[in-house]
Amino acid sequence: MNKNLLILTAIIVGGIIVGIAISTLSTDSAKSPDYRDNKTGKYIYGNATVERIEIMVLESFPVQIKVNARGYLPDGCTRIDGVVKEKEGNTFLVTIRTVRPADAFCTQVIVPFQEVISLDVYGLKAGKYNVDVNGIKGTFELRTDNILK
């Protein structure tokens, strides 16, 4: 009986050592997956869920505007793919895009994120401006024309 217990303990310890070795070797790839290695070459693209934004007016001249967007990604495989910024009239439209491999098995937990986005406000006239980040809206005001004279 002691011999069986010794063999079972050796198998468990060996399995733990192998598991640690494998996880150590794959740690870098787990932190930043290379989607180009996906076997099917198919991806799912979407937009990040933004819960709130904070518009920061930096005290400088010319004035700089940064938007701090906070939200979550739907699972452990989804990553921020990029940020698209457009300006229509007095509104800045910002889209935070996501990507994930189509055939990946992922942890089903939401993953919080924070993105700080700079807006191109140089040369704008004084006035109120709107910001829309994936449907979450805010405003800021330039008190003077934002141009060096």
N, C-alpha and C. Protein backbone atom coordinates (compact mmCIF):
# COMPACT_ATOMS: atom_id res chain seq x y z
N MET A 1 0.82 -1.18 0.00
CA MET A 1 0.00 0.00 0.00
C MET A 1 0.87 1.25 0.00
N ASN A 2 1.94 1.26 0.80
CA ASN A 2 2.85 2.40 0.83
C ASN A 2 3.52 2.60 -0.51
N LYS A 3 3.80 1.51 -1.22
CA LYS A 3 4.44 1.59 -2.52
C LYS A 3 3.50 2.28 -3.52
N ASN A 4 2.20 1.96 -3.50
CA ASN A 4 1.22 2.59 -4.38
C ASN A 4 1.09 4.08 -4.08
N LEU A 5 1.10 4.43 -2.82
CA LEU A 5 1.01 5.83 -2.42
C LEU A 5 2.24 6.60 -2.88
N LEU A 6 3.41 5.99 -2.80
CA LEU A 6 4.64 6.61 -3.24
C LEU A 6 4.61 6.84 -4.76
N ILE A 7 4.12 5.86 -5.51
CA ILE A 7 4.04 5.99 -6.97
C ILE A 7 3.04 7.09 -7.34
N LEU A 8 1.89 7.13 -6.68
CA LEU A 8 0.88 8.15 -6.94
C LEU A 8 1.42 9.55 -6.64
N THR A 9 2.13 9.69 -5.53
CA THR A 9 2.74 10.97 -5.18
C THR A 9 3.76 11.40 -6.22
N ALA A 10 4.58 10.46 -6.70
CA ALA A 10 5.58 10.77 -7.72
C ALA A 10 4.91 11.23 -9.02
N ILE A 11 3.81 10.60 -9.39
CA ILE A 11 3.09 10.98 -10.61
C ILE A 11 2.51 12.39 -10.46
N ILE A 12 1.92 12.68 -9.32
CA ILE A 12 1.33 14.01 -9.08
C ILE A 12 2.42 15.09 -9.11
N VAL A 13 3.52 14.85 -8.41
CA VAL A 13 4.62 15.82 -8.37
C VAL A 13 5.19 16.02 -9.78
N GLY A 14 5.35 14.94 -10.52
CA GLY A 14 5.85 15.04 -11.90
C GLY A 14 4.91 15.85 -12.78
N GLY A 15 3.60 15.64 -12.62
CA GLY A 15 2.62 16.40 -13.39
C GLY A 15 2.67 17.87 -13.06
N ILE A 16 2.84 18.19 -11.79
CA ILE A 16 2.94 19.59 -11.38
C ILE A 16 4.18 20.23 -11.99
N ILE A 17 5.30 19.54 -11.96
CA ILE A 17 6.54 20.08 -12.53
C ILE A 17 6.40 20.31 -14.02
N VAL A 18 5.82 19.36 -14.74
CA VAL A 18 5.60 19.52 -16.18
C VAL A 18 4.66 20.69 -16.45
N GLY A 19 3.60 20.82 -15.66
CA GLY A 19 2.65 21.92 -15.82
C GLY A 19 3.30 23.27 -15.61
N ILE A 20 4.14 23.38 -14.60
CA ILE A 20 4.85 24.64 -14.34
C ILE A 20 5.79 24.96 -15.49
N ALA A 21 6.50 23.96 -15.98
CA ALA A 21 7.43 24.18 -17.10
C ALA A 21 6.70 24.66 -18.34
N ILE A 22 5.57 24.06 -18.65
CA ILE A 22 4.80 24.46 -19.84
C ILE A 22 4.24 25.86 -19.67
N SER A 23 3.71 26.18 -18.49
CA SER A 23 3.15 27.52 -18.30
C SER A 23 4.23 28.58 -18.32
N THR A 24 5.43 28.27 -17.85
CA THR A 24 6.54 29.22 -17.89
C THR A 24 6.95 29.50 -19.33
N LEU A 25 6.99 28.46 -20.15
CA LEU A 25 7.38 28.63 -21.55
C LEU A 25 6.34 29.40 -22.34
N SER A 26 5.06 29.28 -22.01
CA SER A 26 4.01 29.92 -22.80
C SER A 26 3.52 31.22 -22.20
N THR A 27 4.14 31.73 -21.15
CA THR A 27 3.67 32.95 -20.51
C THR A 27 3.66 34.14 -21.45
N ASP A 28 4.73 34.34 -22.23
CA ASP A 28 4.79 35.49 -23.12
C ASP A 28 3.70 35.45 -24.17
N SER A 29 3.44 34.30 -24.76
CA SER A 29 2.41 34.23 -25.78
C SER A 29 1.02 34.40 -25.18
N ALA A 30 0.82 34.04 -23.92
CA ALA A 30 -0.48 34.21 -23.30
C ALA A 30 -0.77 35.68 -23.02
N LYS A 31 0.25 36.47 -22.75
CA LYS A 31 0.04 37.88 -22.47
C LYS A 31 -0.33 38.67 -23.72
N SER A 32 0.27 38.35 -24.84
CA SER A 32 -0.04 39.09 -26.06
C SER A 32 -0.11 38.11 -27.23
N PRO A 33 -1.29 37.52 -27.44
CA PRO A 33 -1.42 36.51 -28.48
C PRO A 33 -1.16 37.10 -29.86
N ASP A 34 -0.56 36.29 -30.71
CA ASP A 34 -0.31 36.69 -32.09
C ASP A 34 -1.43 36.10 -32.93
N TYR A 35 -2.40 36.92 -33.27
CA TYR A 35 -3.57 36.44 -33.98
C TYR A 35 -3.23 35.95 -35.38
N ARG A 36 -2.06 36.28 -35.90
CA ARG A 36 -1.66 35.80 -37.23
C ARG A 36 -1.43 34.30 -37.23
N ASP A 37 -1.21 33.70 -36.06
CA ASP A 37 -0.98 32.26 -35.97
C ASP A 37 -2.29 31.48 -35.92
N ASN A 38 -3.40 32.16 -35.96
CA ASN A 38 -4.70 31.51 -35.92
C ASN A 38 -4.82 30.53 -37.09
N LYS A 39 -5.23 29.29 -36.83
CA LYS A 39 -5.26 28.25 -37.86
C LYS A 39 -6.24 28.56 -38.99
N THR A 40 -7.38 29.13 -38.68
CA THR A 40 -8.38 29.39 -39.72
C THR A 40 -8.15 30.73 -40.39
N GLY A 41 -7.41 31.63 -39.75
CA GLY A 41 -7.21 32.96 -40.30
C GLY A 41 -8.44 33.83 -40.16
N LYS A 42 -9.44 33.39 -39.37
CA LYS A 42 -10.68 34.15 -39.22
C LYS A 42 -10.70 34.84 -37.86
N TYR A 43 -11.24 36.05 -37.88
CA TYR A 43 -11.31 36.85 -36.67
C TYR A 43 -12.71 37.42 -36.52
N ILE A 44 -13.03 37.78 -35.30
CA ILE A 44 -14.29 38.46 -35.03
C ILE A 44 -13.93 39.88 -34.62
N TYR A 45 -14.45 40.85 -35.37
CA TYR A 45 -14.19 42.26 -35.08
C TYR A 45 -15.44 42.87 -34.46
N GLY A 46 -15.25 43.83 -33.59
CA GLY A 46 -16.39 44.50 -32.97
C GLY A 46 -15.96 45.80 -32.32
N ASN A 47 -16.81 46.31 -31.47
CA ASN A 47 -16.52 47.53 -30.72
C ASN A 47 -16.50 47.22 -29.24
N ALA A 48 -15.60 47.87 -28.53
CA ALA A 48 -15.50 47.69 -27.09
C ALA A 48 -16.71 48.29 -26.40
N THR A 49 -17.08 47.72 -25.27
CA THR A 49 -18.15 48.29 -24.46
C THR A 49 -17.54 49.35 -23.56
N VAL A 50 -17.92 50.60 -23.79
CA VAL A 50 -17.43 51.73 -22.99
C VAL A 50 -18.51 52.05 -21.96
N GLU A 51 -18.10 52.15 -20.70
CA GLU A 51 -19.05 52.46 -19.63
C GLU A 51 -19.04 53.93 -19.24
N ARG A 52 -17.86 54.55 -19.33
CA ARG A 52 -17.79 55.97 -18.99
C ARG A 52 -16.57 56.60 -19.63
N ILE A 53 -16.66 57.91 -19.81
CA ILE A 53 -15.52 58.67 -20.31
C ILE A 53 -15.28 59.87 -19.41
N GLU A 54 -14.04 60.29 -19.35
CA GLU A 54 -13.66 61.50 -18.62
C GLU A 54 -12.86 62.34 -19.60
N ILE A 55 -13.29 63.58 -19.80
CA ILE A 55 -12.60 64.48 -20.73
C ILE A 55 -11.67 65.36 -19.91
N MET A 56 -10.40 65.32 -20.27
CA MET A 56 -9.38 66.08 -19.54
C MET A 56 -8.87 67.22 -20.42
N VAL A 57 -8.98 68.44 -19.92
CA VAL A 57 -8.47 69.62 -20.61
C VAL A 57 -7.14 69.95 -19.95
N LEU A 58 -6.05 69.73 -20.68
CA LEU A 58 -4.73 69.97 -20.10
C LEU A 58 -4.40 71.45 -20.13
N GLU A 59 -3.86 71.93 -19.03
CA GLU A 59 -3.54 73.35 -18.91
C GLU A 59 -2.23 73.64 -19.65
N SER A 60 -2.37 73.90 -20.91
CA SER A 60 -1.24 74.23 -21.77
C SER A 60 -1.75 75.13 -22.86
N PHE A 61 -0.86 75.71 -23.62
CA PHE A 61 -1.30 76.43 -24.81
C PHE A 61 -0.37 76.10 -25.94
N PRO A 62 -0.85 75.60 -27.04
CA PRO A 62 -2.29 75.36 -27.28
C PRO A 62 -2.83 74.27 -26.36
N VAL A 63 -4.14 74.35 -26.12
CA VAL A 63 -4.81 73.41 -25.23
C VAL A 63 -4.76 72.00 -25.82
N GLN A 64 -4.60 71.01 -24.96
CA GLN A 64 -4.66 69.61 -25.36
C GLN A 64 -5.84 68.97 -24.66
N ILE A 65 -6.54 68.11 -25.41
CA ILE A 65 -7.70 67.41 -24.85
C ILE A 65 -7.42 65.91 -24.91
N LYS A 66 -7.62 65.25 -23.79
CA LYS A 66 -7.48 63.79 -23.73
C LYS A 66 -8.78 63.22 -23.18
N VAL A 67 -9.16 62.07 -23.72
CA VAL A 67 -10.36 61.38 -23.25
C VAL A 67 -9.92 60.07 -22.61
N ASN A 68 -10.31 59.89 -21.36
CA ASN A 68 -10.02 58.66 -20.63
C ASN A 68 -11.28 57.79 -20.72
N ALA A 69 -11.21 56.73 -21.53
CA ALA A 69 -12.36 55.85 -21.72
C ALA A 69 -12.14 54.57 -20.91
N ARG A 70 -13.17 54.18 -20.17
CA ARG A 70 -13.13 52.95 -19.37
C ARG A 70 -14.31 52.07 -19.74
N GLY A 71 -14.03 50.79 -19.79
CA GLY A 71 -15.09 49.84 -20.13
C GLY A 71 -14.60 48.43 -19.93
N TYR A 72 -15.16 47.51 -20.73
CA TYR A 72 -14.75 46.11 -20.59
C TYR A 72 -14.81 45.39 -21.93
N LEU A 73 -14.04 44.32 -21.98
CA LEU A 73 -14.03 43.41 -23.13
C LEU A 73 -14.80 42.16 -22.70
N PRO A 74 -15.48 41.48 -23.64
CA PRO A 74 -16.40 40.41 -23.25
C PRO A 74 -15.77 39.10 -22.80
N ASP A 75 -14.48 38.88 -23.11
CA ASP A 75 -13.84 37.62 -22.71
C ASP A 75 -12.33 37.79 -22.71
N GLY A 76 -11.64 36.72 -22.32
CA GLY A 76 -10.19 36.77 -22.18
C GLY A 76 -9.41 36.79 -23.48
N CYS A 77 -10.05 36.53 -24.61
CA CYS A 77 -9.34 36.52 -25.90
C CYS A 77 -9.48 37.84 -26.66
N THR A 78 -10.48 38.63 -26.35
CA THR A 78 -10.73 39.87 -27.07
C THR A 78 -9.70 40.92 -26.67
N ARG A 79 -9.18 41.61 -27.67
CA ARG A 79 -8.18 42.66 -27.46
C ARG A 79 -8.61 43.94 -28.18
N ILE A 80 -8.06 45.07 -27.74
CA ILE A 80 -8.28 46.33 -28.45
C ILE A 80 -7.51 46.24 -29.77
N ASP A 81 -8.21 46.48 -30.88
CA ASP A 81 -7.61 46.40 -32.21
C ASP A 81 -7.15 47.77 -32.69
N GLY A 82 -7.76 48.82 -32.22
CA GLY A 82 -7.37 50.16 -32.64
C GLY A 82 -8.43 51.17 -32.23
N VAL A 83 -8.05 52.43 -32.40
CA VAL A 83 -8.94 53.53 -32.09
C VAL A 83 -9.08 54.38 -33.35
N VAL A 84 -10.33 54.60 -33.77
CA VAL A 84 -10.60 55.42 -34.96
C VAL A 84 -11.21 56.73 -34.48
N LYS A 85 -10.63 57.86 -34.94
CA LYS A 85 -11.11 59.18 -34.54
C LYS A 85 -11.56 59.94 -35.79
N GLU A 86 -12.76 60.53 -35.70
CA GLU A 86 -13.29 61.37 -36.77
C GLU A 86 -13.86 62.62 -36.15
N LYS A 87 -13.97 63.67 -36.96
CA LYS A 87 -14.59 64.91 -36.48
C LYS A 87 -15.65 65.33 -37.48
N GLU A 88 -16.87 65.51 -36.99
CA GLU A 88 -17.98 65.98 -37.80
C GLU A 88 -18.55 67.22 -37.15
N GLY A 89 -18.30 68.38 -37.74
CA GLY A 89 -18.75 69.63 -37.14
C GLY A 89 -18.08 69.84 -35.80
N ASN A 90 -18.89 70.00 -34.76
CA ASN A 90 -18.36 70.20 -33.40
C ASN A 90 -18.34 68.89 -32.59
N THR A 91 -18.42 67.77 -33.28
CA THR A 91 -18.45 66.47 -32.59
C THR A 91 -17.27 65.61 -32.99
N PHE A 92 -16.59 65.09 -31.97
CA PHE A 92 -15.52 64.11 -32.17
C PHE A 92 -16.13 62.72 -31.98
N LEU A 93 -16.07 61.90 -33.02
CA LEU A 93 -16.57 60.53 -32.96
C LEU A 93 -15.37 59.60 -32.80
N VAL A 94 -15.35 58.86 -31.70
CA VAL A 94 -14.24 57.95 -31.40
C VAL A 94 -14.80 56.53 -31.31
N THR A 95 -14.16 55.62 -32.03
CA THR A 95 -14.57 54.22 -31.99
C THR A 95 -13.40 53.37 -31.52
N ILE A 96 -13.59 52.64 -30.44
CA ILE A 96 -12.58 51.70 -29.94
C ILE A 96 -12.95 50.33 -30.50
N ARG A 97 -12.14 49.83 -31.42
CA ARG A 97 -12.40 48.57 -32.12
C ARG A 97 -11.75 47.40 -31.37
N THR A 98 -12.35 46.20 -31.51
CA THR A 98 -11.82 45.00 -30.88
C THR A 98 -11.63 43.89 -31.91
N VAL A 99 -10.84 42.90 -31.54
CA VAL A 99 -10.62 41.72 -32.38
C VAL A 99 -10.40 40.51 -31.48
N ARG A 100 -10.83 39.36 -31.98
CA ARG A 100 -10.56 38.09 -31.29
C ARG A 100 -10.55 36.99 -32.33
N PRO A 101 -9.74 35.94 -32.11
CA PRO A 101 -9.75 34.81 -33.03
C PRO A 101 -11.12 34.12 -33.00
N ALA A 102 -11.63 33.76 -34.17
CA ALA A 102 -12.97 33.19 -34.25
C ALA A 102 -13.07 31.81 -33.60
N ASP A 103 -12.01 31.02 -33.68
CA ASP A 103 -12.11 29.64 -33.18
C ASP A 103 -11.43 29.42 -31.84
N ALA A 104 -11.14 30.49 -31.11
CA ALA A 104 -10.44 30.35 -29.83
C ALA A 104 -11.41 30.00 -28.71
N PHE A 105 -10.92 29.20 -27.76
CA PHE A 105 -11.65 28.92 -26.53
C PHE A 105 -11.15 29.92 -25.50
N CYS A 106 -12.04 30.72 -24.96
CA CYS A 106 -11.63 31.84 -24.11
C CYS A 106 -12.27 31.76 -22.73
N THR A 107 -11.62 32.39 -21.78
CA THR A 107 -12.23 32.51 -20.46
C THR A 107 -13.45 33.41 -20.60
N GLN A 108 -14.53 33.04 -20.00
CA GLN A 108 -15.78 33.79 -20.11
C GLN A 108 -15.94 34.74 -18.93
N VAL A 109 -15.01 35.64 -18.82
CA VAL A 109 -15.06 36.69 -17.81
C VAL A 109 -14.82 38.02 -18.50
N ILE A 110 -15.48 39.06 -18.03
CA ILE A 110 -15.24 40.36 -18.63
C ILE A 110 -13.88 40.89 -18.17
N VAL A 111 -13.23 41.61 -19.07
CA VAL A 111 -11.89 42.12 -18.81
C VAL A 111 -11.94 43.65 -18.89
N PRO A 112 -11.69 44.35 -17.79
CA PRO A 112 -11.74 45.81 -17.83
C PRO A 112 -10.59 46.38 -18.66
N PHE A 113 -10.83 47.55 -19.25
CA PHE A 113 -9.77 48.25 -19.99
C PHE A 113 -9.90 49.74 -19.74
N GLN A 114 -8.81 50.43 -20.03
CA GLN A 114 -8.77 51.89 -19.98
C GLN A 114 -7.93 52.35 -21.17
N GLU A 115 -8.46 53.28 -21.94
CA GLU A 115 -7.73 53.86 -23.07
C GLU A 115 -7.72 55.36 -22.90
N VAL A 116 -6.54 55.98 -23.03
CA VAL A 116 -6.44 57.43 -23.02
C VAL A 116 -6.23 57.86 -24.47
N ILE A 117 -7.13 58.68 -24.97
CA ILE A 117 -7.17 59.05 -26.38
C ILE A 117 -6.97 60.55 -26.50
N SER A 118 -5.99 60.96 -27.30
CA SER A 118 -5.74 62.38 -27.56
C SER A 118 -6.61 62.82 -28.73
N LEU A 119 -7.26 63.98 -28.58
CA LEU A 119 -8.05 64.54 -29.67
C LEU A 119 -7.24 65.65 -30.34
N ASP A 120 -7.37 65.76 -31.65
CA ASP A 120 -6.67 66.80 -32.41
C ASP A 120 -7.49 68.08 -32.36
N VAL A 121 -7.15 68.96 -31.43
CA VAL A 121 -7.93 70.18 -31.24
C VAL A 121 -7.16 71.44 -31.63
N TYR A 122 -5.94 71.28 -32.13
CA TYR A 122 -5.18 72.47 -32.53
C TYR A 122 -5.88 73.14 -33.71
N GLY A 123 -6.00 74.46 -33.62
CA GLY A 123 -6.62 75.23 -34.69
C GLY A 123 -8.11 75.41 -34.55
N LEU A 124 -8.72 74.80 -33.53
CA LEU A 124 -10.17 74.94 -33.36
C LEU A 124 -10.52 76.31 -32.78
N LYS A 125 -11.69 76.79 -33.15
CA LYS A 125 -12.22 78.05 -32.63
C LYS A 125 -12.77 77.82 -31.22
N ALA A 126 -12.87 78.90 -30.46
CA ALA A 126 -13.47 78.83 -29.13
C ALA A 126 -14.91 78.33 -29.28
N GLY A 127 -15.35 77.53 -28.31
CA GLY A 127 -16.72 77.04 -28.35
C GLY A 127 -16.87 75.71 -27.65
N LYS A 128 -18.10 75.19 -27.68
CA LYS A 128 -18.40 73.90 -27.05
C LYS A 128 -18.26 72.80 -28.10
N TYR A 129 -17.70 71.66 -27.65
CA TYR A 129 -17.48 70.51 -28.53
C TYR A 129 -18.02 69.25 -27.85
N ASN A 130 -18.53 68.36 -28.65
CA ASN A 130 -19.08 67.09 -28.17
C ASN A 130 -18.08 65.97 -28.45
N VAL A 131 -18.10 64.96 -27.58
CA VAL A 131 -17.27 63.77 -27.75
C VAL A 131 -18.18 62.56 -27.60
N ASP A 132 -18.07 61.61 -28.55
CA ASP A 132 -18.85 60.38 -28.50
C ASP A 132 -17.88 59.21 -28.66
N VAL A 133 -17.73 58.42 -27.58
CA VAL A 133 -16.84 57.25 -27.61
C VAL A 133 -17.72 56.01 -27.50
N ASN A 134 -17.88 55.31 -28.61
CA ASN A 134 -18.71 54.09 -28.66
C ASN A 134 -20.08 54.32 -28.01
N GLY A 135 -20.67 55.50 -28.24
CA GLY A 135 -22.01 55.78 -27.74
C GLY A 135 -22.06 56.51 -26.41
N ILE A 136 -20.95 56.63 -25.71
CA ILE A 136 -20.92 57.36 -24.44
C ILE A 136 -20.49 58.79 -24.75
N LYS A 137 -21.29 59.77 -24.30
CA LYS A 137 -21.10 61.15 -24.73
C LYS A 137 -20.64 62.06 -23.60
N GLY A 138 -19.91 63.10 -24.00
CA GLY A 138 -19.46 64.14 -23.10
C GLY A 138 -19.21 65.41 -23.89
N THR A 139 -18.88 66.48 -23.18
CA THR A 139 -18.59 67.76 -23.84
C THR A 139 -17.40 68.44 -23.18
N PHE A 140 -16.80 69.35 -23.92
CA PHE A 140 -15.77 70.22 -23.37
C PHE A 140 -15.89 71.58 -24.06
N GLU A 141 -15.27 72.58 -23.46
CA GLU A 141 -15.34 73.92 -24.01
C GLU A 141 -13.95 74.51 -24.15
N LEU A 142 -13.69 75.10 -25.31
CA LEU A 142 -12.47 75.89 -25.52
C LEU A 142 -12.85 77.34 -25.29
N ARG A 143 -12.21 78.00 -24.35
CA ARG A 143 -12.57 79.38 -24.02
C ARG A 143 -11.97 80.38 -25.00
N THR A 144 -10.90 79.99 -25.66
CA THR A 144 -10.28 80.86 -26.68
C THR A 144 -9.95 80.00 -27.89
N ASP A 145 -9.70 80.68 -29.01
CA ASP A 145 -9.25 79.95 -30.20
C ASP A 145 -7.97 79.20 -29.85
N ASN A 146 -7.85 77.96 -30.31
CA ASN A 146 -6.73 77.10 -29.93
C ASN A 146 -5.67 77.12 -31.03
N ILE A 147 -5.06 78.27 -31.22
CA ILE A 147 -4.05 78.43 -32.25
C ILE A 147 -2.98 79.39 -31.76
N LEU A 148 -1.73 79.11 -32.06
CA LEU A 148 -0.65 80.02 -31.73
C LEU A 148 -0.70 81.19 -32.70
N LYS A 149 -0.55 82.40 -32.21
CA LYS A 149 -0.61 83.58 -33.10
C LYS A 149 0.75 84.17 -33.29
